[in-house]
C-alpha atoms as a PDB file:
ATOM      1  CA  MET A   1       4.730  32.380  26.870  1.00  0.00           C
ATOM      2  CA  ARG A   2       5.469  28.685  26.686  1.00  0.00           C
ATOM      3  CA  ILE A   3       3.992  26.500  23.918  1.00  0.00           C
ATOM      4  CA  SER A   4       2.541  23.151  24.999  1.00  0.00           C
ATOM      5  CA  GLU A   5       3.891  19.902  23.590  1.00  0.00           C
ATOM      6  CA  GLN A   6       0.498  19.221  22.023  1.00  0.00           C
ATOM      7  CA  ALA A   7       0.556  22.579  20.213  1.00  0.00           C
ATOM      8  CA  LYS A   8       4.087  21.847  18.968  1.00  0.00           C
ATOM      9  CA  GLN A   9       2.998  18.447  17.689  1.00  0.00           C
ATOM     10  CA  GLU A  10      -0.052  19.927  15.956  1.00  0.00           C
ATOM     11  CA  SER A  11       2.163  22.543  14.296  1.00  0.00           C
ATOM     12  CA  ARG A  12       4.600  19.856  13.179  1.00  0.00           C
ATOM     13  CA  VAL A  13       1.780  17.823  11.624  1.00  0.00           C
ATOM     14  CA  ARG A  14       0.452  20.915   9.802  1.00  0.00           C
ATOM     15  CA  ILE A  15       3.956  21.754   8.566  1.00  0.00           C
ATOM     16  CA  LEU A  16       4.461  18.226   7.213  1.00  0.00           C
ATOM     17  CA  GLU A  17       1.024  18.074   5.594  1.00  0.00           C
ATOM     18  CA  LYS A  18       1.229  21.520   4.017  1.00  0.00           C
ATOM     19  CA  GLY A  19       4.839  20.961   2.982  1.00  0.00           C
ATOM     20  CA  ALA A  20       3.897  17.746   1.200  1.00  0.00           C
ATOM     21  CA  GLU A  21       0.963  19.466  -0.536  1.00  0.00           C
ATOM     22  CA  LEU A  22       3.186  22.317  -1.708  1.00  0.00           C
ATOM     23  CA  PHE A  23       5.945  19.984  -2.890  1.00  0.00           C
ATOM     24  CA  ILE A  24       3.430  18.025  -4.926  1.00  0.00           C
ATOM     25  CA  GLY A  25       1.746  21.181  -6.252  1.00  0.00           C
ATOM     26  CA  LYS A  26       4.709  23.509  -6.821  1.00  0.00           C
ATOM     27  CA  GLY A  27       7.646  21.124  -6.732  1.00  0.00           C
ATOM     28  CA  PHE A  28      10.412  20.862  -4.146  1.00  0.00           C
ATOM     29  CA  GLU A  29      12.712  23.507  -5.647  1.00  0.00           C
ATOM     30  CA  ALA A  30       9.923  26.074  -6.063  1.00  0.00           C
ATOM     31  CA  THR A  31       8.620  25.726  -2.496  1.00  0.00           C
ATOM     32  CA  THR A  32      10.094  27.995   0.161  1.00  0.00           C
ATOM     33  CA  THR A  33      10.010  27.624   3.929  1.00  0.00           C
ATOM     34  CA  ARG A  34       7.968  30.837   3.929  1.00  0.00           C
ATOM     35  CA  ASP A  35       5.360  29.147   1.696  1.00  0.00           C
ATOM     36  CA  ILE A  36       5.167  26.184   4.065  1.00  0.00           C
ATOM     37  CA  ALA A  37       4.898  28.344   7.189  1.00  0.00           C
ATOM     38  CA  LEU A  38       2.119  30.493   5.725  1.00  0.00           C
ATOM     39  CA  ALA A  39       0.218  27.442   4.428  1.00  0.00           C
ATOM     40  CA  ALA A  40       0.480  25.873   7.901  1.00  0.00           C
ATOM     41  CA  GLY A  41      -0.921  29.042   9.489  1.00  0.00           C
ATOM     42  CA  LEU A  42       2.372  30.071  11.104  1.00  0.00           C
ATOM     43  CA  ALA A  43       4.357  33.290  10.966  1.00  0.00           C
ATOM     44  CA  ALA A  44       6.512  33.591   7.828  1.00  0.00           C
ATOM     45  CA  GLY A  45       9.866  33.265   9.635  1.00  0.00           C
ATOM     46  CA  THR A  46       8.814  30.427  11.930  1.00  0.00           C
ATOM     47  CA  LEU A  47      10.577  27.648  10.032  1.00  0.00           C
ATOM     48  CA  GLN A  48      13.936  29.406   9.722  1.00  0.00           C
ATOM     49  CA  PRO A  49      15.132  28.343  13.183  1.00  0.00           C
ATOM     50  CA  LEU A  50      14.298  24.716  12.314  1.00  0.00           C
ATOM     51  CA  CYS A  51      17.043  24.659   9.658  1.00  0.00           C
ATOM     52  CA  LEU A  52      15.356  21.820   7.777  1.00  0.00           C
ATOM     53  CA  THR A  53      17.893  19.146   8.648  1.00  0.00           C
ATOM     54  CA  LYS A  54      18.439  15.553   7.554  1.00  0.00           C
ATOM     55  CA  ASP A  55      15.334  14.654   9.552  1.00  0.00           C
ATOM     56  CA  TRP A  56      13.312  16.771   7.139  1.00  0.00           C
ATOM     57  CA  GLN A  57      15.224  15.331   4.195  1.00  0.00           C
ATOM     58  CA  ASN A  58      14.482  11.830   5.484  1.00  0.00           C
ATOM     59  CA  THR A  59      10.772  12.707   5.613  1.00  0.00           C
ATOM     60  CA  LEU A  60      10.901  13.969   2.036  1.00  0.00           C
ATOM     61  CA  GLU A  61      12.676  10.814   0.906  1.00  0.00           C
ATOM     62  CA  LYS A  62      10.025   8.664   2.594  1.00  0.00           C
ATOM     63  CA  LEU A  63       7.266  10.681   0.890  1.00  0.00           C
ATOM     64  CA  ALA A  64       9.010  10.195  -2.457  1.00  0.00           C
ATOM     65  CA  ASP A  65       9.250   6.439  -1.789  1.00  0.00           C
ATOM     66  CA  ILE A  66       5.540   6.302  -0.939  1.00  0.00           C
ATOM     67  CA  GLU A  67       4.683   8.243  -4.087  1.00  0.00           C
ATOM     68  CA  GLN A  68       6.782   5.869  -6.216  1.00  0.00           C
ATOM     69  CA  MET A  69       5.191   2.821  -4.584  1.00  0.00           C
ATOM     70  CA  LEU A  70       1.678   4.186  -5.171  1.00  0.00           C
ATOM     71  CA  LEU A  71       2.479   4.903  -8.807  1.00  0.00           C
ATOM     72  CA  MET A  72       3.765   1.350  -9.240  1.00  0.00           C
ATOM     73  CA  GLU A  73       0.800  -0.189  -7.405  1.00  0.00           C
ATOM     74  CA  THR A  74      -1.694   1.704  -9.566  1.00  0.00           C
ATOM     75  CA  ASP A  75      -0.013   0.897 -12.895  1.00  0.00           C
ATOM     76  CA  TYR A  76      -2.478  -1.799 -13.848  1.00  0.00           C
ATOM     77  CA  GLU A  77      -0.780  -2.593 -17.152  1.00  0.00           C
ATOM     78  CA  GLN A  78       2.250  -3.641 -15.107  1.00  0.00           C
ATOM     79  CA  GLU A  79       0.024  -5.529 -12.645  1.00  0.00           C
ATOM     80  CA  ALA A  80      -1.551  -7.365 -15.606  1.00  0.00           C
ATOM     81  CA  ARG A  81       1.918  -8.458 -16.795  1.00  0.00           C
ATOM     82  CA  PHE A  82       2.792  -9.630 -13.273  1.00  0.00           C
ATOM     83  CA  GLY A  83      -0.489 -11.549 -13.058  1.00  0.00           C
ATOM     84  CA  LYS A  84       0.177 -13.340 -16.340  1.00  0.00           C
ATOM     85  CA  GLU A  85       3.707 -14.231 -15.205  1.00  0.00           C
ATOM     86  CA  ALA A  86       2.397 -15.485 -11.841  1.00  0.00           C
ATOM     87  CA  ARG A  87      -0.108 -17.789 -13.573  1.00  0.00           C
ATOM     88  CA  LEU A  88       2.765 -19.377 -15.500  1.00  0.00           C
ATOM     89  CA  LEU A  89       4.732 -20.039 -12.311  1.00  0.00           C
ATOM     90  CA  PHE A  90       2.127 -22.269 -10.679  1.00  0.00           C
ATOM     91  CA  SER A  91       0.560 -25.538 -11.764  1.00  0.00           C
ATOM     92  CA  ASP A  92      -2.681 -27.053 -10.482  1.00  0.00           C
ATOM     93  CA  ALA A  93      -0.576 -29.275  -8.215  1.00  0.00           C
ATOM     94  CA  ASP A  94       0.713 -26.176  -6.396  1.00  0.00           C
ATOM     95  CA  ARG A  95      -2.837 -25.347  -5.308  1.00  0.00           C
ATOM     96  CA  VAL A  96      -2.186 -21.656  -5.887  1.00  0.00           C
ATOM     97  CA  VAL A  97      -4.866 -19.929  -7.895  1.00  0.00           C
ATOM     98  CA  VAL A  98      -3.998 -16.754  -9.786  1.00  0.00           C
ATOM     99  CA  PRO A  99      -6.900 -15.105 -11.617  1.00  0.00           C
ATOM    100  CA  GLN A 100      -6.686 -14.898 -15.393  1.00  0.00           C
ATOM    101  CA  VAL A 101      -6.014 -11.388 -16.711  1.00  0.00           C
ATOM    102  CA  TYR A 102      -8.144 -10.151 -19.623  1.00  0.00           C
ATOM    103  CA  GLU A 103      -5.608  -7.865 -21.296  1.00  0.00           C
ATOM    104  CA  GLU A 104      -8.009  -6.602 -23.930  1.00  0.00           C
ATOM    105  CA  TYR A 105     -10.004  -4.922 -21.135  1.00  0.00           C
ATOM    106  CA  CYS A 106      -7.014  -3.591 -19.171  1.00  0.00           C
ATOM    107  CA  THR A 107      -5.626  -0.069 -19.275  1.00  0.00           C
ATOM    108  CA  LYS A 108      -3.135   1.838 -17.151  1.00  0.00           C
ATOM    109  CA  ARG A 109      -5.982   2.546 -14.687  1.00  0.00           C
ATOM    110  CA  VAL A 110      -8.193  -0.550 -15.105  1.00  0.00           C
ATOM    111  CA  LEU A 111      -7.246  -4.155 -14.303  1.00  0.00           C
ATOM    112  CA  THR A 112      -9.730  -6.794 -15.449  1.00  0.00           C
ATOM    113  CA  THR A 113      -9.358 -10.353 -14.151  1.00  0.00           C
ATOM    114  CA  GLU A 114     -11.570 -13.367 -13.780  1.00  0.00           C
ATOM    115  CA  TYR A 115     -13.761 -13.546 -10.689  1.00  0.00           C
ATOM    116  CA  LEU A 116     -12.609 -16.211  -8.264  1.00  0.00           C
ATOM    117  CA  ARG A 117     -15.279 -17.555  -5.993  1.00  0.00           C
ATOM    118  CA  GLY A 118     -14.366 -18.095  -2.371  1.00  0.00           C
ATOM    119  CA  CYS A 119     -14.405 -16.482   1.027  1.00  0.00           C
ATOM    120  CA  HIS A 120     -11.958 -14.882   3.415  1.00  0.00           C
ATOM    121  CA  LEU A 121     -10.760 -16.942   6.379  1.00  0.00           C
ATOM    122  CA  ASP A 122     -12.641 -14.662   8.815  1.00  0.00           C
ATOM    123  CA  GLU A 123     -15.864 -15.197   6.864  1.00  0.00           C
ATOM    124  CA  PHE A 124     -15.285 -18.970   6.861  1.00  0.00           C
ATOM    125  CA  LEU A 125     -14.722 -19.018  10.634  1.00  0.00           C
ATOM    126  CA  ALA A 126     -17.746 -16.773  11.276  1.00  0.00           C
ATOM    127  CA  LYS A 127     -19.926 -19.531   9.802  1.00  0.00           C
ATOM    128  CA  ASN A 128     -18.782 -21.746  12.701  1.00  0.00           C
ATOM    129  CA  PRO A 129     -17.657 -24.682  10.546  1.00  0.00           C
ATOM    130  CA  SER A 130     -17.421 -28.192  11.932  1.00  0.00           C
ATOM    131  CA  GLN A 131     -14.118 -29.418  13.320  1.00  0.00           C
ATOM    132  CA  GLU A 132     -13.796 -31.601  10.230  1.00  0.00           C
ATOM    133  CA  GLY A 133     -14.175 -28.514   8.024  1.00  0.00           C
ATOM    134  CA  ARG A 134     -11.593 -26.615  10.074  1.00  0.00           C
ATOM    135  CA  ASP A 135      -9.180 -29.549   9.904  1.00  0.00           C
ATOM    136  CA  HIS A 136      -9.638 -29.794   6.142  1.00  0.00           C
ATOM    137  CA  PHE A 137      -8.915 -26.076   5.724  1.00  0.00           C
ATOM    138  CA  THR A 138      -5.853 -26.327   7.982  1.00  0.00           C
ATOM    139  CA  HIS A 139      -4.644 -29.282   5.923  1.00  0.00           C
ATOM    140  CA  LEU A 140      -5.014 -27.258   2.714  1.00  0.00           C
ATOM    141  CA  ARG A 141      -3.173 -24.259   4.180  1.00  0.00           C
ATOM    142  CA  SER A 142      -0.224 -26.186   5.592  1.00  0.00           C
ATOM    143  CA  PRO A 143       2.894 -25.602   3.433  1.00  0.00           C
ATOM    144  CA  THR A 144       4.288 -29.049   4.195  1.00  0.00           C
ATOM    145  CA  THR A 145       0.978 -30.693   3.327  1.00  0.00           C
ATOM    146  CA  THR A 146       0.776 -28.750   0.091  1.00  0.00           C
ATOM    147  CA  MET A 147       4.215 -29.924  -0.959  1.00  0.00           C
ATOM    148  CA  GLN A 148       3.844 -33.572   0.172  1.00  0.00           C
ATOM    149  CA  HIS A 149       0.285 -34.539  -0.717  1.00  0.00           C
ATOM    150  CA  PRO A 150      -1.860 -34.234  -3.829  1.00  0.00           C
ATOM    151  CA  PRO A 151      -4.897 -31.933  -3.695  1.00  0.00           C
ATOM    152  CA  VAL A 152      -7.871 -33.210  -1.731  1.00  0.00           C
ATOM    153  CA  THR A 153     -10.947 -33.544  -3.931  1.00  0.00           C
ATOM    154  CA  GLY A 154     -14.444 -34.229  -2.944  1.00  0.00           C
END
């Protein structure tokens, strides 16, 4: 009996998903290929012929990188420090606005900053602004304009 390519792909996805869950839950060293196969709904010896090669190791390394990145991105105390440093790097003349961080209200899982009023470019364009408005926005966004001309007020 021949297994379709789609079935192979579905099995591979289940193996990767269940493997990742087990590694997170039990740890890499404590997880066996038997555990992964059974969790993926496959026969216990199914993964042995795969000989988890560098391809598998590469996948694990990528998962570890993603985990590390997520941990860094959700460390809001660190983000608060970065925000404070970023505010110091720019002056009003740079026309870069970095929200103020309220450290007294920040924790490892909560980042509190000032609310900056504005709208996303898509929202601005959806309002069908005049050509003058579009030109003004383009002028503000242009890196060469920003460096050569003072801010436009009005």
